[in-house]
Amino acid sequence: MAEITRTEVAHLARLSRLALDDSELDQLATQLDVILGAVAKIGEVTDATDVKPMTHAVPIENVMRPDEVRPSLPREDVLVMAPSAEDGRFRVPRILDDEA
C-alpha cells in the first residue's frame, strides 16, 4: 500500500475546509498512514466465519452495588426550593398539545 502524502492530506484538508499549517500536515500524514495501514491489515482477513461479534476487545463486567433504601429530603423542603409547585409536585410548562 502506498504511503499517504503530505499533498494528499493538504487536498483532504481543503475539501474538509480545514486550515492546517505545515507541521499539522506532516503530523496528520504520518497518523493517517498508520490508520490506513491498520485498515489494510484488517482487509487481509480471508475467513472470519468463526469469529464471534463483540463490542469490546476485552471482557467488561458491570460492577454494581446493591440497592439500599436511604432517607431523602422531605417533600415540603424540596418543593419550597422549586420555582413552581402544585398539589405536592413540581409544576412544569406544558410541552404537548391536548390533541397528543
C-alpha atoms as a PDB file:
ATOM      1  CA  MET A   1       0.000   0.000   0.000  1.00  0.00           C
ATOM      2  CA  ALA A   2       1.327   3.419  -0.953  1.00  0.00           C
ATOM      3  CA  GLU A   3       2.113   5.881   1.775  1.00  0.00           C
ATOM      4  CA  ILE A   4      -0.280   8.836   2.081  1.00  0.00           C
ATOM      5  CA  THR A   5       1.493  12.000   1.055  1.00  0.00           C
ATOM      6  CA  ARG A   6       1.516  15.467   2.545  1.00  0.00           C
ATOM      7  CA  THR A   7      -0.064  16.741  -0.702  1.00  0.00           C
ATOM      8  CA  GLU A   8      -2.964  14.301  -0.317  1.00  0.00           C
ATOM      9  CA  VAL A   9      -3.501  15.423   3.282  1.00  0.00           C
ATOM     10  CA  ALA A  10      -3.489  19.053   2.135  1.00  0.00           C
ATOM     11  CA  HIS A  11      -6.084  18.155  -0.512  1.00  0.00           C
ATOM     12  CA  LEU A  12      -8.281  16.401   2.072  1.00  0.00           C
ATOM     13  CA  ALA A  13      -7.933  19.408   4.384  1.00  0.00           C
ATOM     14  CA  ARG A  14      -9.063  21.743   1.591  1.00  0.00           C
ATOM     15  CA  LEU A  15     -12.067  19.518   0.830  1.00  0.00           C
ATOM     16  CA  SER A  16     -12.930  19.477   4.544  1.00  0.00           C
ATOM     17  CA  ARG A  17     -12.427  23.233   4.783  1.00  0.00           C
ATOM     18  CA  LEU A  18      -9.724  22.798   7.430  1.00  0.00           C
ATOM     19  CA  ALA A  19      -6.890  25.290   7.737  1.00  0.00           C
ATOM     20  CA  LEU A  20      -3.771  23.291   8.610  1.00  0.00           C
ATOM     21  CA  ASP A  21      -0.219  24.566   8.930  1.00  0.00           C
ATOM     22  CA  ASP A  22       2.862  22.686   7.697  1.00  0.00           C
ATOM     23  CA  SER A  23       3.540  20.875  10.974  1.00  0.00           C
ATOM     24  CA  GLU A  24      -0.095  19.711  11.189  1.00  0.00           C
ATOM     25  CA  LEU A  25       0.020  18.409   7.610  1.00  0.00           C
ATOM     26  CA  ASP A  26       3.176  16.402   8.377  1.00  0.00           C
ATOM     27  CA  GLN A  27       1.729  15.036  11.622  1.00  0.00           C
ATOM     28  CA  LEU A  28      -1.591  14.071  10.022  1.00  0.00           C
ATOM     29  CA  ALA A  29       0.145  12.437   7.065  1.00  0.00           C
ATOM     30  CA  THR A  30       2.007  10.158   9.473  1.00  0.00           C
ATOM     31  CA  GLN A  31      -1.106   9.414  11.558  1.00  0.00           C
ATOM     32  CA  LEU A  32      -3.326   8.740   8.540  1.00  0.00           C
ATOM     33  CA  ASP A  33      -0.677   6.442   7.102  1.00  0.00           C
ATOM     34  CA  VAL A  34      -0.748   4.365  10.314  1.00  0.00           C
ATOM     35  CA  ILE A  35      -4.559   4.286  10.300  1.00  0.00           C
ATOM     36  CA  LEU A  36      -4.761   3.238   6.647  1.00  0.00           C
ATOM     37  CA  GLY A  37      -2.147   0.547   7.296  1.00  0.00           C
ATOM     38  CA  ALA A  38      -4.255  -0.858  10.140  1.00  0.00           C
ATOM     39  CA  VAL A  39      -7.368  -0.874   7.944  1.00  0.00           C
ATOM     40  CA  ALA A  40      -5.442  -2.633   5.177  1.00  0.00           C
ATOM     41  CA  LYS A  41      -4.266  -5.264   7.690  1.00  0.00           C
ATOM     42  CA  ILE A  42      -7.902  -5.950   8.653  1.00  0.00           C
ATOM     43  CA  GLY A  43      -8.733  -6.277   4.969  1.00  0.00           C
ATOM     44  CA  GLU A  44      -6.244  -9.157   4.719  1.00  0.00           C
ATOM     45  CA  VAL A  45      -8.515 -11.397   6.791  1.00  0.00           C
ATOM     46  CA  THR A  46      -9.931 -14.003   4.450  1.00  0.00           C
ATOM     47  CA  ASP A  47     -12.129 -16.143   6.685  1.00  0.00           C
ATOM     48  CA  ALA A  48     -13.856 -14.708   9.717  1.00  0.00           C
ATOM     49  CA  THR A  49     -16.791 -17.122   9.933  1.00  0.00           C
ATOM     50  CA  ASP A  50     -15.697 -18.481  13.327  1.00  0.00           C
ATOM     51  CA  VAL A  51     -15.158 -15.015  14.848  1.00  0.00           C
ATOM     52  CA  LYS A  52     -17.921 -14.063  17.243  1.00  0.00           C
ATOM     53  CA  PRO A  53     -19.185 -10.452  17.115  1.00  0.00           C
ATOM     54  CA  MET A  54     -18.077  -8.355  20.075  1.00  0.00           C
ATOM     55  CA  THR A  55     -18.459  -4.824  21.321  1.00  0.00           C
ATOM     56  CA  HIS A  56     -15.162  -4.559  23.219  1.00  0.00           C
ATOM     57  CA  ALA A  57     -11.697  -6.005  22.726  1.00  0.00           C
ATOM     58  CA  VAL A  58     -11.527  -7.160  26.334  1.00  0.00           C
ATOM     59  CA  PRO A  59     -14.264  -8.612  28.556  1.00  0.00           C
ATOM     60  CA  ILE A  60     -16.127  -5.989  30.557  1.00  0.00           C
ATOM     61  CA  GLU A  61     -18.183  -6.571  33.674  1.00  0.00           C
ATOM     62  CA  ASN A  62     -20.558  -4.147  35.321  1.00  0.00           C
ATOM     63  CA  VAL A  63     -19.650  -3.524  38.912  1.00  0.00           C
ATOM     64  CA  MET A  64     -22.938  -2.838  40.622  1.00  0.00           C
ATOM     65  CA  ARG A  65     -23.605  -2.075  44.216  1.00  0.00           C
ATOM     66  CA  PRO A  66     -26.754  -3.393  45.877  1.00  0.00           C
ATOM     67  CA  ASP A  67     -29.710  -1.021  46.080  1.00  0.00           C
ATOM     68  CA  GLU A  68     -30.136   0.411  49.525  1.00  0.00           C
ATOM     69  CA  VAL A  69     -33.057   2.437  50.755  1.00  0.00           C
ATOM     70  CA  ARG A  70     -31.779   5.678  52.235  1.00  0.00           C
ATOM     71  CA  PRO A  71     -33.610   8.647  53.661  1.00  0.00           C
ATOM     72  CA  SER A  72     -34.178  11.542  51.296  1.00  0.00           C
ATOM     73  CA  LEU A  73     -35.188  15.153  51.739  1.00  0.00           C
ATOM     74  CA  PRO A  74     -38.700  15.827  52.965  1.00  0.00           C
ATOM     75  CA  ARG A  75     -41.061  16.657  50.100  1.00  0.00           C
ATOM     76  CA  GLU A  76     -42.027  20.006  51.634  1.00  0.00           C
ATOM     77  CA  ASP A  77     -38.387  21.152  51.836  1.00  0.00           C
ATOM     78  CA  VAL A  78     -37.790  20.241  48.195  1.00  0.00           C
ATOM     79  CA  LEU A  79     -40.955  21.925  46.927  1.00  0.00           C
ATOM     80  CA  VAL A  80     -40.103  25.130  48.790  1.00  0.00           C
ATOM     81  CA  MET A  81     -36.989  25.392  46.595  1.00  0.00           C
ATOM     82  CA  ALA A  82     -38.920  24.706  43.352  1.00  0.00           C
ATOM     83  CA  PRO A  83     -39.689  27.608  41.001  1.00  0.00           C
ATOM     84  CA  SER A  84     -43.303  26.419  40.892  1.00  0.00           C
ATOM     85  CA  ALA A  85     -45.200  23.652  42.704  1.00  0.00           C
ATOM     86  CA  GLU A  86     -48.778  22.411  42.658  1.00  0.00           C
ATOM     87  CA  ASP A  87     -50.559  19.584  44.511  1.00  0.00           C
ATOM     88  CA  GLY A  88     -47.334  18.376  46.126  1.00  0.00           C
ATOM     89  CA  ARG A  89     -45.470  18.132  42.795  1.00  0.00           C
ATOM     90  CA  PHE A  90     -43.187  20.239  40.630  1.00  0.00           C
ATOM     91  CA  ARG A  91     -45.132  22.340  38.154  1.00  0.00           C
ATOM     92  CA  VAL A  92     -43.539  22.411  34.698  1.00  0.00           C
ATOM     93  CA  PRO A  93     -44.595  24.086  31.451  1.00  0.00           C
ATOM     94  CA  ARG A  94     -46.808  22.046  29.111  1.00  0.00           C
ATOM     95  CA  ILE A  95     -44.836  20.693  26.150  1.00  0.00           C
ATOM     96  CA  LEU A  96     -47.543  18.713  24.303  1.00  0.00           C
ATOM     97  CA  ASP A  97     -50.841  19.851  22.865  1.00  0.00           C
ATOM     98  CA  ASP A  98     -54.134  18.467  24.161  1.00  0.00           C
ATOM     99  CA  GLU A  99     -54.507  16.548  20.876  1.00  0.00           C
ATOM    100  CA  ALA A 100     -51.438  14.360  21.509  1.00  0.00           C
END
